[in-house]
Amino acid sequence: MANTRSALKRIRQSEVRRQRNKQVKSKIKNTVRNFMNSLGEEDKETARQNLISVGRVIDKAASKGVIHKKTAARKKSRLAKKLNQSQQAI
């Protein structure tokens, strides 16, 4: 256990941040899952709208520091690539 007041405060801050990061990462996963499901249904317009919403969630997470900016760019790029491939297959 921590011995100093500053260490105790750091533990409290870390826990609050951990909970916040957990919520944001869960939201990213859920929106990506919705996007992938819309790709499977082959509805182009819904998939495009879901990609936009995924992009917003990922960008917000990157701006808050939950994920790295390059990780966000990579995720968005890969999802856009999947959308383009699915549209070419149709």
C-alpha atoms as a PDB file:
ATOM      1  CA  MET A   1       0.000   0.000   0.000  1.00  0.00           C
ATOM      2  CA  ALA A   2       1.079   3.572  -0.591  1.00  0.00           C
ATOM      3  CA  ASN A   3       2.811   5.429   2.190  1.00  0.00           C
ATOM      4  CA  THR A   4       2.419   9.074   1.195  1.00  0.00           C
ATOM      5  CA  ARG A   5      -0.585  11.266   0.578  1.00  0.00           C
ATOM      6  CA  SER A   6       0.563  11.996  -2.960  1.00  0.00           C
ATOM      7  CA  ALA A   7       0.820   8.281  -3.720  1.00  0.00           C
ATOM      8  CA  LEU A   8      -2.697   7.729  -2.388  1.00  0.00           C
ATOM      9  CA  LYS A   9      -3.978  10.547  -4.570  1.00  0.00           C
ATOM     10  CA  ARG A  10      -2.174   9.071  -7.585  1.00  0.00           C
ATOM     11  CA  ILE A  11      -3.906   5.740  -6.946  1.00  0.00           C
ATOM     12  CA  ARG A  12      -7.303   7.463  -6.874  1.00  0.00           C
ATOM     13  CA  GLN A  13      -6.574   9.372 -10.074  1.00  0.00           C
ATOM     14  CA  SER A  14      -5.359   6.247 -11.837  1.00  0.00           C
ATOM     15  CA  GLU A  15      -8.535   4.374 -10.949  1.00  0.00           C
ATOM     16  CA  VAL A  16     -10.768   7.166 -12.270  1.00  0.00           C
ATOM     17  CA  ARG A  17      -8.800   7.277 -15.517  1.00  0.00           C
ATOM     18  CA  ARG A  18      -8.831   3.493 -15.846  1.00  0.00           C
ATOM     19  CA  GLN A  19     -12.620   3.410 -15.544  1.00  0.00           C
ATOM     20  CA  ARG A  20     -13.002   6.221 -18.101  1.00  0.00           C
ATOM     21  CA  ASN A  21     -10.636   4.524 -20.559  1.00  0.00           C
ATOM     22  CA  LYS A  22     -12.503   1.250 -20.119  1.00  0.00           C
ATOM     23  CA  GLN A  23     -15.798   2.908 -21.065  1.00  0.00           C
ATOM     24  CA  VAL A  24     -14.330   4.584 -24.129  1.00  0.00           C
ATOM     25  CA  LYS A  25     -12.628   1.426 -25.376  1.00  0.00           C
ATOM     26  CA  SER A  26     -15.861  -0.507 -24.907  1.00  0.00           C
ATOM     27  CA  LYS A  27     -17.715   2.105 -26.944  1.00  0.00           C
ATOM     28  CA  ILE A  28     -15.133   1.798 -29.722  1.00  0.00           C
ATOM     29  CA  LYS A  29     -15.548  -1.983 -29.793  1.00  0.00           C
ATOM     30  CA  ASN A  30     -19.344  -1.736 -29.869  1.00  0.00           C
ATOM     31  CA  THR A  31     -19.430   0.759 -32.722  1.00  0.00           C
ATOM     32  CA  VAL A  32     -16.920  -1.299 -34.706  1.00  0.00           C
ATOM     33  CA  ARG A  33     -19.089  -4.378 -34.121  1.00  0.00           C
ATOM     34  CA  ASN A  34     -22.161  -2.510 -35.389  1.00  0.00           C
ATOM     35  CA  PHE A  35     -20.214  -1.441 -38.473  1.00  0.00           C
ATOM     36  CA  MET A  36     -19.049  -4.994 -39.176  1.00  0.00           C
ATOM     37  CA  ASN A  37     -22.615  -6.291 -38.789  1.00  0.00           C
ATOM     38  CA  SER A  38     -23.869  -3.697 -41.267  1.00  0.00           C
ATOM     39  CA  LEU A  39     -21.180  -4.836 -43.707  1.00  0.00           C
ATOM     40  CA  GLY A  40     -22.479  -8.385 -43.414  1.00  0.00           C
ATOM     41  CA  GLU A  41     -26.001  -7.238 -44.257  1.00  0.00           C
ATOM     42  CA  GLU A  42     -24.698  -5.646 -47.471  1.00  0.00           C
ATOM     43  CA  ASP A  43     -26.579  -2.385 -46.915  1.00  0.00           C
ATOM     44  CA  LYS A  44     -24.173   0.187 -48.333  1.00  0.00           C
ATOM     45  CA  GLU A  45     -25.788   3.302 -46.914  1.00  0.00           C
ATOM     46  CA  THR A  46     -26.098   1.948 -43.382  1.00  0.00           C
ATOM     47  CA  ALA A  47     -22.507   0.721 -43.495  1.00  0.00           C
ATOM     48  CA  ARG A  48     -21.325   4.155 -44.655  1.00  0.00           C
ATOM     49  CA  GLN A  49     -23.225   5.882 -41.834  1.00  0.00           C
ATOM     50  CA  ASN A  50     -21.813   3.428 -39.305  1.00  0.00           C
ATOM     51  CA  LEU A  51     -18.298   4.091 -40.600  1.00  0.00           C
ATOM     52  CA  ILE A  52     -18.816   7.805 -40.001  1.00  0.00           C
ATOM     53  CA  SER A  53     -19.995   7.160 -36.436  1.00  0.00           C
ATOM     54  CA  VAL A  54     -17.050   4.816 -35.794  1.00  0.00           C
ATOM     55  CA  GLY A  55     -14.693   7.511 -37.070  1.00  0.00           C
ATOM     56  CA  ARG A  56     -16.156  10.042 -34.656  1.00  0.00           C
ATOM     57  CA  VAL A  57     -15.823   7.719 -31.678  1.00  0.00           C
ATOM     58  CA  ILE A  58     -12.245   6.770 -32.587  1.00  0.00           C
ATOM     59  CA  ASP A  59     -11.231  10.391 -33.161  1.00  0.00           C
ATOM     60  CA  LYS A  60     -12.710  11.460 -29.842  1.00  0.00           C
ATOM     61  CA  ALA A  61     -10.848   8.670 -28.038  1.00  0.00           C
ATOM     62  CA  ALA A  62      -7.607   9.729 -29.703  1.00  0.00           C
ATOM     63  CA  SER A  63      -8.118  13.375 -28.820  1.00  0.00           C
ATOM     64  CA  LYS A  64      -8.681  12.442 -25.165  1.00  0.00           C
ATOM     65  CA  GLY A  65      -5.536  10.305 -25.132  1.00  0.00           C
ATOM     66  CA  VAL A  66      -7.290   6.985 -24.585  1.00  0.00           C
ATOM     67  CA  ILE A  67      -5.705   5.576 -27.738  1.00  0.00           C
ATOM     68  CA  HIS A  68      -2.745   6.866 -29.716  1.00  0.00           C
ATOM     69  CA  LYS A  69      -3.445   9.070 -32.727  1.00  0.00           C
ATOM     70  CA  LYS A  70      -1.683   6.705 -35.109  1.00  0.00           C
ATOM     71  CA  THR A  71      -3.638   3.769 -33.718  1.00  0.00           C
ATOM     72  CA  ALA A  72      -6.818   5.712 -34.419  1.00  0.00           C
ATOM     73  CA  ALA A  73      -5.705   6.455 -37.970  1.00  0.00           C
ATOM     74  CA  ARG A  74      -4.825   2.798 -38.551  1.00  0.00           C
ATOM     75  CA  LYS A  75      -8.195   1.574 -37.253  1.00  0.00           C
ATOM     76  CA  LYS A  76     -10.133   4.055 -39.383  1.00  0.00           C
ATOM     77  CA  SER A  77      -8.077   3.205 -42.456  1.00  0.00           C
ATOM     78  CA  ARG A  78      -8.633  -0.522 -42.078  1.00  0.00           C
ATOM     79  CA  LEU A  79     -12.377  -0.099 -41.576  1.00  0.00           C
ATOM     80  CA  ALA A  80     -12.636   2.154 -44.637  1.00  0.00           C
ATOM     81  CA  LYS A  81     -10.693  -0.429 -46.610  1.00  0.00           C
ATOM     82  CA  LYS A  82     -13.176  -3.132 -45.568  1.00  0.00           C
ATOM     83  CA  LEU A  83     -16.067  -0.926 -46.643  1.00  0.00           C
ATOM     84  CA  ASN A  84     -14.494  -0.312 -50.051  1.00  0.00           C
ATOM     85  CA  GLN A  85     -13.755  -4.010 -50.562  1.00  0.00           C
ATOM     86  CA  SER A  86     -17.303  -4.994 -49.675  1.00  0.00           C
ATOM     87  CA  GLN A  87     -18.730  -2.451 -52.115  1.00  0.00           C
ATOM     88  CA  GLN A  88     -16.527  -3.722 -54.936  1.00  0.00           C
ATOM     89  CA  ALA A  89     -17.665  -7.283 -54.268  1.00  0.00           C
ATOM     90  CA  ILE A  90     -21.330  -6.311 -54.657  1.00  0.00           C
END
